[in-house]
């Protein structure tokens, strides 16, 4: 298996929340973005952005409210808007299909194998929960990399705070979204959505394992 495929694997299951919107075209292949509402066990949900080729959806009818399964990679790219450069995170679809709601399956899974590219930041919440913020660089084809913000909680936060730039780690978790208010003037604020990965499990890749 291509290492660039095996080191970044995402599967999300949820309902289509909005229309497919044209994003860009490469070599006469059009790509569209849309949002999938992915349920959590708590009853809340995450709104995950998906990018899909027209060639994956041309033979199927996909409408708002349809339950679908998307398999692909969690990718990042820089977007320049109004003079600002921001990191945009999407699931790049490798496959998409309608999902049978009677199936029992984890609706939000992600595996990443990458390298710490910024010193981890450890903190505690006002309620005493331990959190470590990580930025992970995951290699992609053609010498590209995806830069994925990651949150480790509890015992994983304690483990992650001792990692250093250049360390190779594997993580298993889920993609989550959160909304926040950004003030753009004295009178006006706008609602934005941030995406990150919440870790369930993580491992440091030892030198011997890399060589194998």
N, C-alpha and C. Protein backbone atom coordinates (compact mmCIF):
# COMPACT_ATOMS: atom_id res chain seq x y z
N UNK A 1 0.85 -1.20 0.00
CA UNK A 1 0.00 0.00 0.00
C UNK A 1 0.88 1.24 0.00
N UNK A 2 0.46 2.26 -0.76
CA UNK A 2 1.17 3.53 -0.80
C UNK A 2 1.20 4.13 0.61
N UNK A 3 2.41 4.47 1.10
CA UNK A 3 2.53 5.01 2.45
C UNK A 3 1.76 6.31 2.60
N UNK A 4 1.65 7.08 1.50
CA UNK A 4 0.94 8.35 1.59
C UNK A 4 -0.55 8.15 1.76
N UNK A 5 -1.05 6.96 1.44
CA UNK A 5 -2.45 6.64 1.68
C UNK A 5 -2.64 6.02 3.06
N UNK A 6 -1.69 5.19 3.48
CA UNK A 6 -1.85 4.47 4.73
C UNK A 6 -1.57 5.34 5.95
N UNK A 7 -0.91 6.50 5.78
CA UNK A 7 -0.61 7.32 6.95
C UNK A 7 -1.68 8.38 7.23
N UNK A 8 -2.76 8.38 6.44
CA UNK A 8 -3.83 9.36 6.63
C UNK A 8 -5.12 8.73 6.15
N UNK A 9 -5.93 8.24 7.10
CA UNK A 9 -7.15 7.52 6.74
C UNK A 9 -8.32 8.06 7.56
N UNK A 10 -9.33 8.58 6.85
CA UNK A 10 -10.50 9.15 7.52
C UNK A 10 -11.76 8.47 7.01
N UNK A 11 -12.68 8.20 7.93
CA UNK A 11 -14.00 7.69 7.57
C UNK A 11 -15.03 8.48 8.38
N UNK A 12 -15.98 9.11 7.67
CA UNK A 12 -17.06 9.80 8.37
C UNK A 12 -18.40 9.33 7.81
N UNK A 13 -19.38 9.26 8.70
CA UNK A 13 -20.74 8.86 8.33
C UNK A 13 -21.70 9.90 8.89
N UNK A 14 -22.56 10.44 8.05
CA UNK A 14 -23.50 11.45 8.52
C UNK A 14 -24.42 11.90 7.41
N UNK A 15 -25.12 13.00 7.65
CA UNK A 15 -26.10 13.49 6.69
C UNK A 15 -25.54 14.71 5.94
N UNK A 16 -25.91 14.81 4.67
CA UNK A 16 -25.52 15.96 3.86
C UNK A 16 -26.29 17.18 4.35
N UNK A 17 -25.54 18.25 4.66
CA UNK A 17 -26.16 19.44 5.25
C UNK A 17 -26.42 20.56 4.26
N UNK A 18 -25.69 20.59 3.13
CA UNK A 18 -25.87 21.69 2.18
C UNK A 18 -25.57 21.23 0.76
N UNK A 19 -25.72 22.12 -0.18
CA UNK A 19 -25.51 21.79 -1.58
C UNK A 19 -24.02 21.62 -1.90
N UNK A 20 -23.73 20.87 -2.95
CA UNK A 20 -22.38 20.75 -3.45
C UNK A 20 -22.01 22.07 -4.15
N UNK A 21 -20.89 22.67 -3.73
CA UNK A 21 -20.47 23.96 -4.28
C UNK A 21 -19.14 23.79 -5.01
N UNK A 22 -19.06 24.29 -6.23
CA UNK A 22 -17.83 24.17 -7.01
C UNK A 22 -16.69 24.87 -6.28
N UNK A 23 -15.53 24.18 -6.21
CA UNK A 23 -14.36 24.72 -5.52
C UNK A 23 -13.22 25.04 -6.48
N UNK A 24 -12.83 24.06 -7.29
CA UNK A 24 -11.75 24.30 -8.26
C UNK A 24 -11.75 23.20 -9.32
N UNK A 25 -10.91 23.38 -10.32
CA UNK A 25 -10.80 22.41 -11.40
C UNK A 25 -9.33 22.16 -11.70
N UNK A 26 -8.95 20.87 -11.84
CA UNK A 26 -7.59 20.49 -12.18
C UNK A 26 -7.64 19.47 -13.31
N UNK A 27 -6.94 19.77 -14.40
CA UNK A 27 -6.89 18.87 -15.55
C UNK A 27 -8.30 18.40 -15.97
N UNK A 28 -9.19 19.36 -16.10
CA UNK A 28 -10.57 19.11 -16.54
C UNK A 28 -11.38 18.27 -15.57
N UNK A 29 -10.91 18.14 -14.33
CA UNK A 29 -11.66 17.43 -13.28
C UNK A 29 -12.13 18.45 -12.25
N UNK A 30 -13.44 18.54 -12.07
CA UNK A 30 -14.01 19.53 -11.14
C UNK A 30 -14.14 18.93 -9.74
N UNK A 31 -13.89 19.78 -8.73
CA UNK A 31 -14.02 19.38 -7.34
C UNK A 31 -15.03 20.28 -6.63
N UNK A 32 -15.82 19.65 -5.75
CA UNK A 32 -16.87 20.35 -5.04
C UNK A 32 -16.69 20.16 -3.52
N UNK A 33 -17.21 21.12 -2.76
CA UNK A 33 -17.20 20.99 -1.30
C UNK A 33 -18.63 21.00 -0.78
N UNK A 34 -18.83 20.33 0.34
CA UNK A 34 -20.12 20.31 1.02
C UNK A 34 -19.89 19.92 2.48
N UNK A 35 -20.93 19.99 3.28
CA UNK A 35 -20.82 19.71 4.72
C UNK A 35 -21.57 18.44 5.08
N UNK A 36 -20.94 17.63 5.93
CA UNK A 36 -21.58 16.43 6.46
C UNK A 36 -21.75 16.61 7.97
N UNK A 37 -22.97 16.41 8.45
CA UNK A 37 -23.26 16.48 9.88
C UNK A 37 -23.03 15.09 10.47
N UNK A 38 -21.98 14.98 11.29
CA UNK A 38 -21.55 13.69 11.84
C UNK A 38 -21.95 13.62 13.32
N UNK A 39 -22.73 12.62 13.73
CA UNK A 39 -23.20 12.55 15.13
C UNK A 39 -22.10 12.11 16.10
N UNK A 40 -22.20 12.62 17.32
CA UNK A 40 -21.35 12.16 18.43
C UNK A 40 -22.19 11.29 19.36
N UNK A 41 -21.51 10.51 20.19
CA UNK A 41 -22.22 9.67 21.16
C UNK A 41 -23.00 10.51 22.16
N UNK A 42 -22.50 11.75 22.41
CA UNK A 42 -23.14 12.63 23.40
C UNK A 42 -24.48 13.18 22.92
N UNK A 43 -24.77 12.99 21.62
CA UNK A 43 -25.98 13.57 21.06
C UNK A 43 -25.71 14.84 20.29
N UNK A 44 -24.52 15.43 20.50
CA UNK A 44 -24.11 16.60 19.71
C UNK A 44 -23.64 16.11 18.35
N UNK A 45 -23.12 17.02 17.53
CA UNK A 45 -22.65 16.62 16.21
C UNK A 45 -21.52 17.52 15.76
N UNK A 46 -20.78 17.07 14.76
CA UNK A 46 -19.71 17.85 14.15
C UNK A 46 -20.06 18.10 12.69
N UNK A 47 -19.83 19.31 12.23
CA UNK A 47 -20.06 19.65 10.83
C UNK A 47 -18.72 19.60 10.10
N UNK A 48 -18.51 18.55 9.32
CA UNK A 48 -17.23 18.30 8.68
C UNK A 48 -17.30 18.67 7.20
N UNK A 49 -16.33 19.46 6.75
CA UNK A 49 -16.26 19.83 5.35
C UNK A 49 -15.64 18.70 4.54
N UNK A 50 -16.23 18.44 3.36
CA UNK A 50 -15.75 17.37 2.48
C UNK A 50 -15.49 17.96 1.10
N UNK A 51 -14.39 17.53 0.48
CA UNK A 51 -14.11 17.88 -0.90
C UNK A 51 -14.19 16.60 -1.74
N UNK A 52 -14.92 16.67 -2.86
CA UNK A 52 -15.17 15.47 -3.64
C UNK A 52 -15.05 15.78 -5.13
N UNK A 53 -14.51 14.83 -5.88
CA UNK A 53 -14.43 14.96 -7.33
C UNK A 53 -15.79 14.70 -7.96
N UNK A 54 -16.07 15.41 -9.05
CA UNK A 54 -17.32 15.18 -9.78
C UNK A 54 -17.43 13.73 -10.24
N UNK A 55 -16.28 13.07 -10.42
CA UNK A 55 -16.27 11.71 -10.95
C UNK A 55 -16.77 10.69 -9.93
N UNK A 56 -16.76 11.08 -8.64
CA UNK A 56 -17.26 10.18 -7.60
C UNK A 56 -18.76 10.31 -7.39
N UNK A 57 -19.34 11.40 -7.86
CA UNK A 57 -20.77 11.64 -7.58
C UNK A 57 -21.62 11.65 -8.84
N UNK A 58 -21.01 11.48 -10.01
CA UNK A 58 -21.76 11.60 -11.26
C UNK A 58 -22.75 10.44 -11.47
N UNK A 59 -22.49 9.29 -10.83
CA UNK A 59 -23.38 8.14 -11.03
C UNK A 59 -24.39 7.95 -9.90
N UNK A 60 -24.37 8.84 -8.92
CA UNK A 60 -25.30 8.70 -7.79
C UNK A 60 -26.01 10.01 -7.52
N UNK A 61 -27.22 9.91 -6.99
CA UNK A 61 -27.97 11.11 -6.64
C UNK A 61 -27.78 11.38 -5.15
N UNK A 62 -27.21 12.53 -4.83
CA UNK A 62 -26.96 12.90 -3.45
C UNK A 62 -27.71 14.19 -3.15
N UNK A 63 -28.55 14.14 -2.13
CA UNK A 63 -29.40 15.28 -1.78
C UNK A 63 -29.21 15.65 -0.32
N UNK A 64 -29.56 16.88 0.03
CA UNK A 64 -29.51 17.31 1.43
C UNK A 64 -30.38 16.37 2.27
N UNK A 65 -29.83 15.90 3.38
CA UNK A 65 -30.54 14.98 4.26
C UNK A 65 -30.18 13.53 4.05
N UNK A 66 -29.51 13.21 2.92
CA UNK A 66 -29.09 11.83 2.67
C UNK A 66 -28.01 11.40 3.66
N UNK A 67 -28.10 10.15 4.12
CA UNK A 67 -27.06 9.58 4.98
C UNK A 67 -25.99 8.97 4.07
N UNK A 68 -24.73 9.39 4.27
CA UNK A 68 -23.66 8.91 3.41
C UNK A 68 -22.44 8.49 4.24
N UNK A 69 -21.58 7.72 3.60
CA UNK A 69 -20.28 7.35 4.18
C UNK A 69 -19.20 7.86 3.24
N UNK A 70 -18.24 8.58 3.80
CA UNK A 70 -17.12 9.13 3.03
C UNK A 70 -15.82 8.54 3.57
N UNK A 71 -15.03 7.97 2.67
CA UNK A 71 -13.70 7.47 3.01
C UNK A 71 -12.67 8.32 2.30
N UNK A 72 -11.64 8.75 3.01
CA UNK A 72 -10.64 9.59 2.36
C UNK A 72 -9.52 9.97 3.29
N UNK A 73 -9.02 11.20 3.13
CA UNK A 73 -7.92 11.71 3.93
C UNK A 73 -8.29 13.08 4.49
N UNK A 74 -7.78 13.38 5.68
CA UNK A 74 -8.01 14.69 6.29
C UNK A 74 -6.87 15.60 5.85
N UNK A 75 -7.19 16.58 5.02
CA UNK A 75 -6.15 17.40 4.40
C UNK A 75 -6.26 18.87 4.77
N UNK A 76 -5.16 19.59 4.57
CA UNK A 76 -5.14 21.03 4.84
C UNK A 76 -4.65 21.77 3.62
N UNK A 77 -5.11 22.99 3.47
CA UNK A 77 -4.54 23.89 2.47
C UNK A 77 -4.73 25.32 2.95
N UNK A 78 -3.92 26.22 2.41
CA UNK A 78 -3.98 27.62 2.79
C UNK A 78 -4.97 28.36 1.90
N UNK A 79 -5.81 29.16 2.52
CA UNK A 79 -6.79 29.96 1.79
C UNK A 79 -6.51 31.44 2.07
N UNK A 80 -6.45 32.22 1.01
CA UNK A 80 -6.21 33.65 1.14
C UNK A 80 -7.53 34.39 0.94
N UNK A 81 -8.02 34.99 2.02
CA UNK A 81 -9.28 35.71 1.97
C UNK A 81 -9.13 37.08 2.62
N UNK A 82 -9.44 38.10 1.87
CA UNK A 82 -9.39 39.49 2.37
C UNK A 82 -8.04 39.82 3.00
N UNK A 83 -6.99 39.29 2.36
CA UNK A 83 -5.65 39.58 2.85
C UNK A 83 -5.18 38.68 3.98
N UNK A 84 -6.07 37.80 4.46
CA UNK A 84 -5.70 36.89 5.55
C UNK A 84 -5.38 35.51 4.99
N UNK A 85 -4.39 34.88 5.58
CA UNK A 85 -4.02 33.51 5.22
C UNK A 85 -4.49 32.59 6.33
N UNK A 86 -5.38 31.65 6.01
CA UNK A 86 -5.86 30.75 7.05
C UNK A 86 -5.77 29.30 6.59
N UNK A 87 -5.65 28.42 7.55
CA UNK A 87 -5.55 26.99 7.29
C UNK A 87 -6.95 26.41 7.17
N UNK A 88 -7.24 25.79 6.04
CA UNK A 88 -8.55 25.18 5.80
C UNK A 88 -8.39 23.66 5.84
N UNK A 89 -9.27 22.99 6.59
CA UNK A 89 -9.20 21.54 6.77
C UNK A 89 -10.44 20.88 6.18
N UNK A 90 -10.23 19.87 5.34
CA UNK A 90 -11.35 19.15 4.74
C UNK A 90 -11.02 17.67 4.66
N UNK A 91 -12.07 16.86 4.57
CA UNK A 91 -11.90 15.45 4.23
C UNK A 91 -11.89 15.36 2.70
N UNK A 92 -10.78 14.93 2.14
CA UNK A 92 -10.67 14.74 0.69
C UNK A 92 -11.17 13.34 0.37
N UNK A 93 -12.32 13.27 -0.31
CA UNK A 93 -12.99 11.98 -0.52
C UNK A 93 -12.26 11.11 -1.53
N UNK A 94 -12.00 9.87 -1.14
CA UNK A 94 -11.50 8.84 -2.06
C UNK A 94 -12.67 7.97 -2.53
N UNK A 95 -13.71 7.91 -1.70
CA UNK A 95 -14.92 7.15 -2.06
C UNK A 95 -16.09 7.75 -1.30
N UNK A 96 -17.27 7.66 -1.89
CA UNK A 96 -18.48 8.16 -1.25
C UNK A 96 -19.63 7.25 -1.66
N UNK A 97 -20.52 6.95 -0.71
CA UNK A 97 -21.66 6.10 -1.01
C UNK A 97 -22.78 6.37 -0.01
N UNK A 98 -24.00 5.97 -0.37
CA UNK A 98 -25.11 6.07 0.57
C UNK A 98 -24.90 5.04 1.67
N UNK A 99 -25.35 5.37 2.88
CA UNK A 99 -25.12 4.51 4.03
C UNK A 99 -26.43 3.94 4.53
N UNK A 100 -26.40 2.64 4.81
CA UNK A 100 -27.56 1.96 5.36
C UNK A 100 -27.64 2.26 6.85
N UNK A 101 -28.67 2.99 7.26
CA UNK A 101 -28.77 3.43 8.66
C UNK A 101 -28.91 2.27 9.64
N UNK A 102 -29.20 1.08 9.15
CA UNK A 102 -29.33 -0.06 10.05
C UNK A 102 -27.96 -0.63 10.43
N UNK A 103 -26.93 -0.25 9.69
CA UNK A 103 -25.59 -0.72 10.02
C UNK A 103 -25.11 -0.06 11.31
N UNK A 104 -24.30 -0.79 12.07
CA UNK A 104 -23.71 -0.24 13.29
C UNK A 104 -22.22 -0.03 13.04
N UNK A 105 -21.82 1.24 13.03
CA UNK A 105 -20.45 1.56 12.67
C UNK A 105 -20.06 2.89 13.30
N UNK A 106 -18.80 3.00 13.76
CA UNK A 106 -18.32 4.27 14.30
C UNK A 106 -18.39 5.34 13.20
N UNK A 107 -19.11 6.45 13.42
CA UNK A 107 -19.32 7.42 12.34
C UNK A 107 -18.17 8.40 12.12
N UNK A 108 -17.13 8.34 12.94
CA UNK A 108 -16.08 9.35 12.83
C UNK A 108 -14.75 8.76 13.30
N UNK A 109 -13.94 8.28 12.37
CA UNK A 109 -12.65 7.69 12.74
C UNK A 109 -11.55 8.29 11.88
N UNK A 110 -10.39 8.48 12.49
CA UNK A 110 -9.25 9.05 11.78
C UNK A 110 -7.96 8.43 12.30
N UNK A 111 -7.08 8.06 11.38
CA UNK A 111 -5.73 7.60 11.72
C UNK A 111 -4.73 8.48 11.00
N UNK A 112 -3.73 8.98 11.76
CA UNK A 112 -2.67 9.80 11.18
C UNK A 112 -1.31 9.31 11.67
N UNK A 113 -0.35 9.30 10.77
CA UNK A 113 1.03 8.98 11.11
C UNK A 113 1.86 10.14 10.59
N UNK A 114 2.37 10.97 11.52
CA UNK A 114 3.08 12.17 11.09
C UNK A 114 4.12 12.63 12.07
N UNK A 115 4.57 13.87 11.91
CA UNK A 115 5.69 14.40 12.68
C UNK A 115 5.28 15.70 13.38
N UNK A 116 5.69 15.81 14.65
CA UNK A 116 5.44 17.03 15.40
C UNK A 116 6.21 18.17 14.73
N UNK A 117 5.51 19.25 14.36
CA UNK A 117 6.21 20.33 13.67
C UNK A 117 6.16 21.65 14.44
N UNK A 118 5.65 21.59 15.68
CA UNK A 118 5.62 22.77 16.54
C UNK A 118 5.63 22.26 17.97
N UNK A 119 6.36 22.94 18.86
CA UNK A 119 6.43 22.47 20.24
C UNK A 119 5.03 22.37 20.84
N UNK A 120 4.69 21.21 21.44
CA UNK A 120 3.37 21.04 22.05
C UNK A 120 3.11 22.08 23.15
N UNK A 121 1.86 22.47 23.28
CA UNK A 121 1.46 23.45 24.29
C UNK A 121 0.52 22.77 25.28
N UNK A 122 0.97 22.69 26.54
CA UNK A 122 0.19 22.04 27.60
C UNK A 122 -0.54 23.10 28.42
N UNK A 123 -1.81 22.81 28.76
CA UNK A 123 -2.59 23.74 29.57
C UNK A 123 -3.67 22.98 30.32
N UNK A 124 -4.32 23.66 31.24
CA UNK A 124 -5.46 23.08 31.94
C UNK A 124 -6.66 24.02 31.79
N UNK A 125 -7.85 23.44 31.75
CA UNK A 125 -9.06 24.24 31.64
C UNK A 125 -9.44 24.77 33.02
N UNK A 126 -10.38 25.71 33.07
CA UNK A 126 -10.85 26.21 34.38
C UNK A 126 -11.42 25.09 35.26
N UNK A 127 -11.84 23.98 34.63
CA UNK A 127 -12.39 22.85 35.39
C UNK A 127 -11.32 21.81 35.71
N UNK A 128 -10.06 22.11 35.38
CA UNK A 128 -8.96 21.22 35.75
C UNK A 128 -8.63 20.14 34.73
N UNK A 129 -9.26 20.14 33.57
CA UNK A 129 -8.95 19.15 32.54
C UNK A 129 -7.63 19.49 31.87
N UNK A 130 -6.82 18.47 31.64
CA UNK A 130 -5.51 18.68 31.03
C UNK A 130 -5.62 18.57 29.50
N UNK A 131 -5.01 19.51 28.79
CA UNK A 131 -5.04 19.54 27.33
C UNK A 131 -3.65 19.84 26.80
N UNK A 132 -3.26 19.15 25.73
CA UNK A 132 -2.04 19.52 25.01
C UNK A 132 -2.40 19.72 23.54
N UNK A 133 -1.99 20.88 23.00
CA UNK A 133 -2.22 21.20 21.60
C UNK A 133 -0.99 20.80 20.79
N UNK A 134 -1.23 20.11 19.68
CA UNK A 134 -0.17 19.62 18.81
C UNK A 134 -0.46 20.04 17.38
N UNK A 135 0.60 20.34 16.62
CA UNK A 135 0.46 20.52 15.18
C UNK A 135 1.26 19.41 14.51
N UNK A 136 0.55 18.57 13.75
CA UNK A 136 1.15 17.38 13.14
C UNK A 136 1.28 17.57 11.64
N UNK A 137 2.48 17.30 11.11
CA UNK A 137 2.71 17.32 9.66
C UNK A 137 2.62 15.89 9.14
N UNK A 138 1.70 15.65 8.21
CA UNK A 138 1.49 14.32 7.64
C UNK A 138 1.87 14.36 6.17
N UNK A 139 2.81 13.51 5.78
CA UNK A 139 3.31 13.53 4.41
C UNK A 139 2.24 13.10 3.41
N UNK A 140 2.31 13.74 2.24
CA UNK A 140 1.41 13.43 1.14
C UNK A 140 2.25 13.25 -0.13
N UNK A 141 1.65 12.77 -1.20
CA UNK A 141 2.37 12.60 -2.46
C UNK A 141 2.92 13.92 -2.98
N UNK A 142 3.90 13.83 -3.87
CA UNK A 142 4.50 14.98 -4.54
C UNK A 142 5.15 15.95 -3.56
N UNK A 143 5.75 15.38 -2.49
CA UNK A 143 6.49 16.16 -1.50
C UNK A 143 5.64 17.23 -0.81
N UNK A 144 4.35 16.96 -0.70
CA UNK A 144 3.46 17.87 0.03
C UNK A 144 3.20 17.31 1.43
N UNK A 145 2.71 18.17 2.31
CA UNK A 145 2.34 17.74 3.66
C UNK A 145 1.04 18.42 4.06
N UNK A 146 0.30 17.74 4.92
CA UNK A 146 -0.89 18.33 5.53
C UNK A 146 -0.56 18.67 6.97
N UNK A 147 -0.99 19.84 7.42
CA UNK A 147 -0.71 20.29 8.79
C UNK A 147 -2.01 20.27 9.58
N UNK A 148 -2.06 19.35 10.53
CA UNK A 148 -3.31 19.05 11.23
C UNK A 148 -3.21 19.45 12.71
N UNK A 149 -4.09 20.36 13.18
CA UNK A 149 -4.12 20.69 14.62
C UNK A 149 -4.81 19.57 15.39
N UNK A 150 -4.19 19.20 16.51
CA UNK A 150 -4.65 18.05 17.29
C UNK A 150 -4.73 18.41 18.77
N UNK A 151 -5.74 17.88 19.43
CA UNK A 151 -5.91 18.08 20.87
C UNK A 151 -5.82 16.74 21.58
N UNK A 152 -4.94 16.67 22.58
CA UNK A 152 -4.84 15.49 23.43
C UNK A 152 -5.38 15.84 24.81
N UNK A 153 -6.14 14.90 25.40
CA UNK A 153 -6.77 15.13 26.70
C UNK A 153 -6.21 14.17 27.74
N UNK A 154 -6.30 14.58 29.01
CA UNK A 154 -5.98 13.68 30.12
C UNK A 154 -4.61 13.05 30.05
N UNK A 155 -4.57 11.72 30.15
CA UNK A 155 -3.29 11.02 30.15
C UNK A 155 -2.54 11.21 28.83
N UNK A 156 -3.29 11.32 27.72
CA UNK A 156 -2.64 11.58 26.44
C UNK A 156 -2.03 12.98 26.41
N UNK A 157 -2.66 13.93 27.11
CA UNK A 157 -2.10 15.28 27.20
C UNK A 157 -0.78 15.28 27.96
N UNK A 158 -0.72 14.48 29.03
CA UNK A 158 0.53 14.38 29.80
C UNK A 158 1.65 13.75 28.97
N UNK A 159 1.27 12.75 28.18
CA UNK A 159 2.24 12.10 27.31
C UNK A 159 2.71 13.06 26.21
N UNK A 160 1.77 13.76 25.60
CA UNK A 160 2.07 14.61 24.45
C UNK A 160 2.90 15.83 24.82
N UNK A 161 2.78 16.33 26.05
CA UNK A 161 3.50 17.55 26.41
C UNK A 161 5.02 17.33 26.44
N UNK A 162 5.44 16.05 26.49
CA UNK A 162 6.87 15.73 26.51
C UNK A 162 7.43 15.42 25.12
N UNK A 163 6.60 15.54 24.09
CA UNK A 163 7.07 15.32 22.72
C UNK A 163 7.80 16.55 22.22
N UNK A 164 8.59 16.37 21.16
CA UNK A 164 9.39 17.47 20.63
C UNK A 164 9.25 17.53 19.12
N UNK A 165 9.61 18.67 18.56
CA UNK A 165 9.57 18.85 17.11
C UNK A 165 10.43 17.77 16.44
N UNK A 166 9.86 17.12 15.44
CA UNK A 166 10.56 16.05 14.73
C UNK A 166 10.17 14.66 15.18
N UNK A 167 9.51 14.53 16.35
CA UNK A 167 9.07 13.22 16.81
C UNK A 167 7.99 12.68 15.87
N UNK A 168 8.10 11.38 15.57
CA UNK A 168 7.12 10.70 14.71
C UNK A 168 6.09 10.02 15.61
N UNK A 169 4.80 10.36 15.41
CA UNK A 169 3.75 9.77 16.24
C UNK A 169 2.61 9.26 15.36
N UNK A 170 1.94 8.25 15.89
CA UNK A 170 0.71 7.75 15.29
C UNK A 170 -0.44 8.14 16.21
N UNK A 171 -1.53 8.61 15.63
CA UNK A 171 -2.68 8.96 16.45
C UNK A 171 -3.96 8.37 15.86
N UNK A 172 -4.86 8.00 16.76
CA UNK A 172 -6.19 7.54 16.39
C UNK A 172 -7.18 8.48 17.08
N UNK A 173 -8.15 8.96 16.36
CA UNK A 173 -9.10 9.88 16.98
C UNK A 173 -10.27 10.18 16.07
N UNK A 174 -10.83 11.39 16.23
CA UNK A 174 -11.97 11.80 15.43
C UNK A 174 -11.82 13.27 15.06
N UNK A 175 -12.49 13.63 13.98
CA UNK A 175 -12.50 15.02 13.53
C UNK A 175 -13.63 15.75 14.27
N UNK A 176 -13.31 16.90 14.83
CA UNK A 176 -14.36 17.64 15.51
C UNK A 176 -14.37 19.10 15.05
N UNK A 177 -15.54 19.70 15.13
CA UNK A 177 -15.70 21.11 14.77
C UNK A 177 -16.18 21.88 15.99
N UNK A 178 -15.84 23.15 16.02
CA UNK A 178 -16.36 24.03 17.08
C UNK A 178 -16.52 25.43 16.50
N UNK A 179 -17.56 26.10 16.93
CA UNK A 179 -17.82 27.46 16.46
C UNK A 179 -17.33 28.46 17.50
N UNK A 180 -16.93 29.62 17.01
CA UNK A 180 -16.46 30.68 17.91
C UNK A 180 -16.79 32.03 17.27
N UNK A 181 -16.77 33.06 18.10
CA UNK A 181 -17.06 34.41 17.64
C UNK A 181 -15.76 35.18 17.42
N UNK A 182 -15.64 35.81 16.25
CA UNK A 182 -14.47 36.64 15.96
C UNK A 182 -14.93 38.08 15.77
N UNK A 183 -14.32 38.98 16.54
CA UNK A 183 -14.68 40.39 16.44
C UNK A 183 -13.94 41.02 15.26
N UNK A 184 -14.67 41.65 14.36
CA UNK A 184 -14.03 42.29 13.21
C UNK A 184 -14.12 43.82 13.28
N UNK A 185 -14.91 44.31 14.23
CA UNK A 185 -14.96 45.75 14.49
C UNK A 185 -15.57 45.96 15.87
N UNK A 186 -15.67 47.20 16.28
CA UNK A 186 -16.25 47.51 17.60
C UNK A 186 -17.70 47.03 17.70
N UNK A 187 -18.42 47.07 16.57
CA UNK A 187 -19.84 46.74 16.59
C UNK A 187 -20.16 45.36 16.03
N UNK A 188 -19.22 44.74 15.32
CA UNK A 188 -19.57 43.54 14.56
C UNK A 188 -18.69 42.35 14.91
N UNK A 189 -19.35 41.20 15.07
CA UNK A 189 -18.64 39.93 15.24
C UNK A 189 -19.20 38.94 14.22
N UNK A 190 -18.38 37.97 13.84
CA UNK A 190 -18.83 36.94 12.92
C UNK A 190 -18.58 35.57 13.55
N UNK A 191 -19.41 34.61 13.17
CA UNK A 191 -19.26 33.24 13.67
C UNK A 191 -18.40 32.45 12.71
N UNK A 192 -17.36 31.80 13.25
CA UNK A 192 -16.46 31.00 12.43
C UNK A 192 -16.44 29.57 12.98
N UNK A 193 -15.98 28.63 12.15
CA UNK A 193 -15.86 27.24 12.56
C UNK A 193 -14.40 26.81 12.49
N UNK A 194 -13.92 26.21 13.56
CA UNK A 194 -12.56 25.67 13.60
C UNK A 194 -12.64 24.15 13.63
N UNK A 195 -11.66 23.52 13.00
CA UNK A 195 -11.61 22.06 12.95
C UNK A 195 -10.32 21.57 13.59
N UNK A 196 -10.42 20.43 14.25
CA UNK A 196 -9.24 19.84 14.89
C UNK A 196 -9.51 18.35 15.08
N UNK A 197 -8.48 17.65 15.52
CA UNK A 197 -8.60 16.22 15.78
C UNK A 197 -8.51 15.99 17.28
N UNK A 198 -9.47 15.26 17.81
CA UNK A 198 -9.46 14.88 19.22
C UNK A 198 -8.92 13.45 19.32
N UNK A 199 -7.86 13.28 20.11
CA UNK A 199 -7.16 11.99 20.18
C UNK A 199 -7.85 11.01 21.13
N UNK A 200 -7.97 9.77 20.66
CA UNK A 200 -8.37 8.67 21.54
C UNK A 200 -7.15 7.89 22.01
N UNK A 201 -6.16 7.77 21.11
CA UNK A 201 -4.97 6.96 21.40
C UNK A 201 -3.80 7.51 20.59
N UNK A 202 -2.60 7.45 21.16
CA UNK A 202 -1.43 7.89 20.42
C UNK A 202 -0.20 7.07 20.81
N UNK A 203 0.72 6.95 19.86
CA UNK A 203 1.95 6.19 20.08
C UNK A 203 3.13 6.93 19.48
N UNK A 204 4.27 6.86 20.15
CA UNK A 204 5.51 7.38 19.60
C UNK A 204 6.13 6.29 18.74
N UNK A 205 6.48 6.63 17.49
CA UNK A 205 7.11 5.66 16.59
C UNK A 205 8.59 5.60 16.91
N UNK A 206 9.05 4.44 17.35
CA UNK A 206 10.45 4.29 17.72
C UNK A 206 11.31 4.15 16.46
N UNK A 207 12.60 4.41 16.62
CA UNK A 207 13.54 4.39 15.50
C UNK A 207 13.53 3.02 14.81
N UNK A 208 13.48 1.94 15.59
CA UNK A 208 13.52 0.60 15.03
C UNK A 208 12.30 0.34 14.14
N UNK A 209 11.13 0.88 14.56
CA UNK A 209 9.91 0.68 13.80
C UNK A 209 9.98 1.43 12.47
N UNK A 210 10.58 2.64 12.48
CA UNK A 210 10.73 3.41 11.25
C UNK A 210 11.58 2.65 10.24
N UNK A 211 12.69 2.04 10.73
CA UNK A 211 13.60 1.35 9.83
C UNK A 211 12.95 0.14 9.19
N UNK A 212 12.05 -0.51 9.94
CA UNK A 212 11.34 -1.67 9.39
C UNK A 212 10.40 -1.26 8.27
